[in-house]
């Protein structure tokens, strides 16, 4: 049994992983004020091969990652950290929009 199997179904879903990641990143940022938060995004994901349920799960995961990233927005819009944050945010938005297009499609 995994610590991150929140619904106790014996499987750690992508959503459960994303929630766990958010909790861990939040805890780290509370402990270390200099901690750098980043979100891992696979740039070449093939969403067209996913089932509708898998697309919905991936969409949820990406939205959670974006919410986590939004909570860590750097204060200085002229900083390098803000540039990196903005690039990650734009990539997440593109992926979310791509999945939305497939779902509506």
C-alpha atoms as a PDB file:
ATOM      1  CA  UNK A   1       0.000   0.000   0.000  1.00  0.00           C
ATOM      2  CA  UNK A   2       1.399   3.379  -1.008  1.00  0.00           C
ATOM      3  CA  UNK A   3       1.336   6.477   1.136  1.00  0.00           C
ATOM      4  CA  UNK A   4      -0.049   8.370  -1.869  1.00  0.00           C
ATOM      5  CA  UNK A   5      -2.920   5.979  -2.655  1.00  0.00           C
ATOM      6  CA  UNK A   6      -5.440   8.404  -1.160  1.00  0.00           C
ATOM      7  CA  UNK A   7      -8.577   6.517  -2.213  1.00  0.00           C
ATOM      8  CA  UNK A   8      -7.101   3.119  -1.183  1.00  0.00           C
ATOM      9  CA  UNK A   9      -7.864   1.413  -4.496  1.00  0.00           C
ATOM     10  CA  UNK A  10      -4.390  -0.136  -4.695  1.00  0.00           C
ATOM     11  CA  UNK A  11      -3.324   2.148  -7.579  1.00  0.00           C
ATOM     12  CA  UNK A  12      -1.557   5.497  -7.353  1.00  0.00           C
ATOM     13  CA  UNK A  13      -3.209   7.513 -10.132  1.00  0.00           C
ATOM     14  CA  UNK A  14      -1.687  10.512 -11.897  1.00  0.00           C
ATOM     15  CA  UNK A  15      -4.031  12.769  -9.916  1.00  0.00           C
ATOM     16  CA  UNK A  16      -2.892  11.261  -6.626  1.00  0.00           C
ATOM     17  CA  UNK A  17       0.737  11.740  -7.691  1.00  0.00           C
ATOM     18  CA  UNK A  18       0.068  15.369  -8.577  1.00  0.00           C
ATOM     19  CA  UNK A  19      -1.644  16.008  -5.238  1.00  0.00           C
ATOM     20  CA  UNK A  20       1.267  14.373  -3.404  1.00  0.00           C
ATOM     21  CA  UNK A  21       3.737  16.444  -5.417  1.00  0.00           C
ATOM     22  CA  UNK A  22       1.848  19.593  -4.482  1.00  0.00           C
ATOM     23  CA  UNK A  23       1.903  18.690  -0.804  1.00  0.00           C
ATOM     24  CA  UNK A  24       5.616  17.930  -0.906  1.00  0.00           C
ATOM     25  CA  UNK A  25       6.503  21.111  -2.787  1.00  0.00           C
ATOM     26  CA  UNK A  26       4.373  23.161  -0.437  1.00  0.00           C
ATOM     27  CA  UNK A  27       6.072  21.635   2.598  1.00  0.00           C
ATOM     28  CA  UNK A  28       9.538  22.243   1.114  1.00  0.00           C
ATOM     29  CA  UNK A  29       8.763  25.862   0.343  1.00  0.00           C
ATOM     30  CA  UNK A  30       7.588  26.367   3.939  1.00  0.00           C
ATOM     31  CA  UNK A  31      10.799  24.873   5.328  1.00  0.00           C
ATOM     32  CA  UNK A  32      13.298  26.509   2.990  1.00  0.00           C
ATOM     33  CA  UNK A  33      12.388  29.992   1.841  1.00  0.00           C
ATOM     34  CA  UNK A  34      15.102  29.768  -0.839  1.00  0.00           C
ATOM     35  CA  UNK A  35      13.667  26.549  -2.279  1.00  0.00           C
ATOM     36  CA  UNK A  36      13.096  26.664  -6.006  1.00  0.00           C
ATOM     37  CA  UNK A  37       9.830  25.106  -7.139  1.00  0.00           C
ATOM     38  CA  UNK A  38       9.522  23.605 -10.602  1.00  0.00           C
ATOM     39  CA  UNK A  39       7.037  21.407 -12.365  1.00  0.00           C
ATOM     40  CA  UNK A  40       8.092  18.569 -14.636  1.00  0.00           C
ATOM     41  CA  UNK A  41       6.308  18.629 -17.974  1.00  0.00           C
ATOM     42  CA  UNK A  42       6.910  16.165 -20.766  1.00  0.00           C
ATOM     43  CA  UNK A  43       6.988  18.262 -23.905  1.00  0.00           C
ATOM     44  CA  UNK A  44       6.387  15.452 -26.407  1.00  0.00           C
ATOM     45  CA  UNK A  45       3.425  13.683 -24.863  1.00  0.00           C
ATOM     46  CA  UNK A  46       1.147  11.948 -27.355  1.00  0.00           C
ATOM     47  CA  UNK A  47      -2.316  12.875 -26.109  1.00  0.00           C
ATOM     48  CA  UNK A  48      -4.082  11.574 -29.208  1.00  0.00           C
ATOM     49  CA  UNK A  49      -3.380   7.995 -28.161  1.00  0.00           C
ATOM     50  CA  UNK A  50      -5.056   8.449 -24.761  1.00  0.00           C
ATOM     51  CA  UNK A  51      -8.589   7.325 -23.950  1.00  0.00           C
ATOM     52  CA  UNK A  52     -11.160   9.958 -22.906  1.00  0.00           C
ATOM     53  CA  UNK A  53     -10.705   8.961 -19.237  1.00  0.00           C
ATOM     54  CA  UNK A  54      -6.926   9.191 -19.533  1.00  0.00           C
ATOM     55  CA  UNK A  55      -7.254  12.602 -21.199  1.00  0.00           C
ATOM     56  CA  UNK A  56      -9.489  13.813 -18.361  1.00  0.00           C
ATOM     57  CA  UNK A  57      -7.003  12.516 -15.766  1.00  0.00           C
ATOM     58  CA  UNK A  58      -4.071  14.161 -17.543  1.00  0.00           C
ATOM     59  CA  UNK A  59      -6.030  17.418 -17.847  1.00  0.00           C
ATOM     60  CA  UNK A  60      -6.702  17.300 -14.086  1.00  0.00           C
ATOM     61  CA  UNK A  61      -3.026  16.628 -13.378  1.00  0.00           C
ATOM     62  CA  UNK A  62      -1.881  19.534 -15.512  1.00  0.00           C
ATOM     63  CA  UNK A  63      -4.409  21.887 -13.891  1.00  0.00           C
ATOM     64  CA  UNK A  64      -3.135  20.853 -10.452  1.00  0.00           C
ATOM     65  CA  UNK A  65       0.452  21.441 -11.563  1.00  0.00           C
ATOM     66  CA  UNK A  66      -0.537  24.868 -12.886  1.00  0.00           C
ATOM     67  CA  UNK A  67      -2.238  25.738  -9.591  1.00  0.00           C
ATOM     68  CA  UNK A  68       0.890  24.690  -7.705  1.00  0.00           C
ATOM     69  CA  UNK A  69       3.048  26.730 -10.038  1.00  0.00           C
ATOM     70  CA  UNK A  70       0.740  29.742  -9.699  1.00  0.00           C
ATOM     71  CA  UNK A  71       1.101  29.606  -5.922  1.00  0.00           C
ATOM     72  CA  UNK A  72       4.872  29.944  -6.349  1.00  0.00           C
ATOM     73  CA  UNK A  73       4.864  32.942  -8.697  1.00  0.00           C
ATOM     74  CA  UNK A  74       8.011  35.007  -8.048  1.00  0.00           C
ATOM     75  CA  UNK A  75       7.462  38.529  -6.765  1.00  0.00           C
ATOM     76  CA  UNK A  76       9.872  40.281  -9.132  1.00  0.00           C
ATOM     77  CA  UNK A  77       8.596  40.183 -12.728  1.00  0.00           C
ATOM     78  CA  UNK A  78      12.026  41.358 -13.938  1.00  0.00           C
ATOM     79  CA  UNK A  79      13.921  38.432 -12.386  1.00  0.00           C
ATOM     80  CA  UNK A  80      15.311  35.321 -14.072  1.00  0.00           C
ATOM     81  CA  UNK A  81      13.211  33.218 -11.705  1.00  0.00           C
ATOM     82  CA  UNK A  82      10.083  34.942 -13.019  1.00  0.00           C
ATOM     83  CA  UNK A  83      11.140  34.264 -16.624  1.00  0.00           C
ATOM     84  CA  UNK A  84      11.578  30.564 -15.866  1.00  0.00           C
ATOM     85  CA  UNK A  85       8.271  30.499 -14.000  1.00  0.00           C
ATOM     86  CA  UNK A  86       6.516  32.192 -16.918  1.00  0.00           C
ATOM     87  CA  UNK A  87       7.958  29.694 -19.424  1.00  0.00           C
ATOM     88  CA  UNK A  88       6.735  26.765 -17.328  1.00  0.00           C
ATOM     89  CA  UNK A  89       3.318  28.425 -16.965  1.00  0.00           C
ATOM     90  CA  UNK A  90       3.014  28.950 -20.732  1.00  0.00           C
ATOM     91  CA  UNK A  91       4.001  25.341 -21.437  1.00  0.00           C
ATOM     92  CA  UNK A  92       1.391  24.086 -18.975  1.00  0.00           C
ATOM     93  CA  UNK A  93      -1.243  26.321 -20.568  1.00  0.00           C
ATOM     94  CA  UNK A  94      -0.373  24.965 -24.028  1.00  0.00           C
ATOM     95  CA  UNK A  95      -0.677  21.366 -22.835  1.00  0.00           C
ATOM     96  CA  UNK A  96      -3.991  22.070 -21.091  1.00  0.00           C
ATOM     97  CA  UNK A  97      -5.343  23.735 -24.230  1.00  0.00           C
ATOM     98  CA  UNK A  98      -4.172  20.830 -26.388  1.00  0.00           C
ATOM     99  CA  UNK A  99      -6.050  18.350 -24.210  1.00  0.00           C
ATOM    100  CA  UNK A 100      -9.148  20.572 -24.122  1.00  0.00           C
ATOM    101  CA  UNK A 101      -9.149  20.650 -27.929  1.00  0.00           C
ATOM    102  CA  UNK A 102      -8.979  16.838 -28.041  1.00  0.00           C
ATOM    103  CA  UNK A 103     -11.745  16.469 -25.458  1.00  0.00           C
ATOM    104  CA  UNK A 104     -14.021  18.892 -27.327  1.00  0.00           C
ATOM    105  CA  UNK A 105     -12.937  17.501 -30.649  1.00  0.00           C
END
